[in-house]
Amino acid sequence: YIYRVRLDVYVYMLFPELQQQAEKDLEADIRGVDENIQIVHSSKANDAAALEQLNAFDKAWQDYKQVVYNVMDNLHKGNEQEAIQSITGGEANDAYFLIASNQGNQKFHIWIYHNC
């Protein structure tokens, strides 16, 4: 789902005829990540190390999600240049790569990243 969140924003920006669908897909993909984080959290409830990694991932995800909403808000307001700047080298780009980086327990982090 995380890969698709970024794709949904790009589709929204690049294909005006697909904006309504891209916005629906974006919301569904965000819900999917949130749901998967809860599933992983429940399945790792007795694993303190895993929960620590998950909590760090969830914090990065919450930050990224807010940045995505900011980008979409800019696009809705017609501030395309500001949205593009955020995605290509600004706040959204930084937040995405924080999620994608391999910190801590690499195997667990990669599993979370690919399953959320």
Protein backbone atom coordinates (compact mmCIF):
# COMPACT_ATOMS: atom_id res chain seq x y z
CA TYR A 1 0.00 0.00 0.00
CA ILE A 2 2.79 2.46 0.77
CA TYR A 3 4.11 2.29 -2.78
CA ARG A 4 0.60 2.93 -4.06
CA VAL A 5 0.09 6.02 -1.89
CA ARG A 6 2.93 7.74 -3.69
CA LEU A 7 1.64 6.51 -7.05
CA ASP A 8 -1.87 7.79 -6.30
CA VAL A 9 -0.51 11.31 -5.75
CA TYR A 10 1.42 11.17 -9.02
CA VAL A 11 -1.62 9.92 -10.93
CA TYR A 12 -3.71 12.71 -9.42
CA MET A 13 -1.15 15.30 -10.53
CA LEU A 14 -0.44 13.98 -14.02
CA PHE A 15 -3.80 12.74 -15.26
CA PRO A 16 -6.67 15.19 -14.67
CA GLU A 17 -9.16 12.72 -16.10
CA LEU A 18 -8.22 10.22 -13.37
CA GLN A 19 -8.26 12.60 -10.40
CA GLN A 20 -11.49 11.35 -8.83
CA GLN A 21 -10.37 7.73 -9.00
CA ALA A 22 -6.86 8.58 -7.80
CA GLU A 23 -8.30 10.35 -4.77
CA LYS A 24 -10.48 7.34 -3.94
CA ASP A 25 -7.50 5.01 -4.41
CA LEU A 26 -5.37 7.23 -2.18
CA GLU A 27 -7.86 7.06 0.67
CA ALA A 28 -8.22 3.28 0.26
CA ASP A 29 -4.45 2.79 0.24
CA ILE A 30 -3.98 4.97 3.33
CA ARG A 31 -6.66 2.93 5.11
CA GLY A 32 -4.87 -0.24 3.98
CA VAL A 33 -1.58 0.87 5.55
CA ASP A 34 -3.35 1.89 8.77
CA GLU A 35 -5.14 -1.46 8.94
CA ASN A 36 -1.97 -3.44 8.27
CA ILE A 37 -0.11 -1.55 10.99
CA GLN A 38 -2.86 -2.54 13.43
CA ILE A 39 -2.66 -6.18 12.30
CA VAL A 40 1.10 -6.25 12.76
CA HIS A 41 0.75 -4.48 16.11
CA SER A 42 -1.71 -7.14 17.32
CA SER A 43 0.40 -10.03 16.06
CA LYS A 44 3.55 -8.67 17.74
CA ALA A 45 1.89 -7.62 21.01
CA ASN A 46 4.27 -9.74 23.12
CA ASP A 47 7.45 -8.80 21.26
CA ALA A 48 8.88 -5.61 22.77
CA ALA A 49 11.64 -5.25 20.18
CA ALA A 50 9.21 -5.68 17.30
CA LEU A 51 6.79 -3.19 18.85
CA GLU A 52 9.58 -0.66 19.21
CA GLN A 53 10.34 -0.99 15.50
CA LEU A 54 6.66 -0.85 14.62
CA ASN A 55 6.12 2.26 16.71
CA ALA A 56 9.03 3.99 14.96
CA PHE A 57 7.60 2.94 11.60
CA ASP A 58 4.12 4.12 12.60
CA LYS A 59 5.48 7.52 13.67
CA ALA A 60 7.19 7.91 10.28
CA TRP A 61 4.00 6.76 8.56
CA GLN A 62 1.86 9.30 10.43
CA ASP A 63 4.28 12.05 9.43
CA TYR A 64 4.28 10.90 5.81
CA LYS A 65 0.49 10.64 5.75
CA GLN A 66 0.17 14.24 6.96
CA VAL A 67 2.60 15.41 4.29
CA VAL A 68 0.59 13.56 1.63
CA TYR A 69 -2.56 15.34 2.84
CA ASN A 70 -0.66 18.65 2.64
CA VAL A 71 0.39 17.87 -0.94
CA MET A 72 -3.18 17.00 -1.88
CA ASP A 73 -4.42 20.19 -0.21
CA ASN A 74 -1.95 22.20 -2.29
CA LEU A 75 -3.14 20.45 -5.44
CA HIS A 76 -6.79 21.16 -4.59
CA LYS A 77 -5.91 24.83 -4.09
CA GLY A 78 -4.08 24.95 -7.41
CA ASN A 79 -0.65 25.26 -5.80
CA GLU A 80 0.90 22.68 -8.12
CA GLN A 81 4.40 24.13 -7.94
CA GLU A 82 4.44 23.85 -4.14
CA ALA A 83 3.16 20.26 -4.35
CA ILE A 84 5.79 19.34 -6.93
CA GLN A 85 8.55 20.87 -4.79
CA SER A 86 7.41 18.88 -1.78
CA ILE A 87 7.39 15.63 -3.74
CA THR A 88 10.63 16.03 -5.65
CA GLY A 89 12.94 17.34 -2.98
CA GLY A 90 11.00 18.71 -0.10
CA GLU A 91 8.89 17.57 2.81
CA ALA A 92 7.05 14.71 1.08
CA ASN A 93 10.20 13.31 -0.44
CA ASP A 94 12.01 13.41 2.91
CA ALA A 95 9.09 11.79 4.74
CA TYR A 96 8.82 9.01 2.14
CA PHE A 97 12.50 8.14 2.37
CA LEU A 98 12.33 8.10 6.17
CA ILE A 99 9.72 5.35 5.88
CA ALA A 100 11.70 3.52 3.20
CA SER A 101 15.01 3.61 5.07
CA ASN A 102 16.21 0.50 6.82
CA GLN A 103 16.61 1.42 10.47
CA GLY A 104 16.91 -0.93 13.41
CA ASN A 105 16.04 -4.57 12.83
CA GLN A 106 16.39 -4.68 9.07
CA LYS A 107 14.42 -7.89 8.44
CA PHE A 108 11.47 -6.75 10.55
CA HIS A 109 11.53 -3.23 9.09
CA ILE A 110 11.57 -4.58 5.53
CA TRP A 111 8.70 -6.95 6.38
CA ILE A 112 6.62 -4.05 7.75
CA TYR A 113 7.45 -1.86 4.76
CA HIS A 114 6.41 -4.50 2.23
CA ASN A 115 3.31 -5.59 4.12
CA CYS A 116 1.91 -2.17 4.94
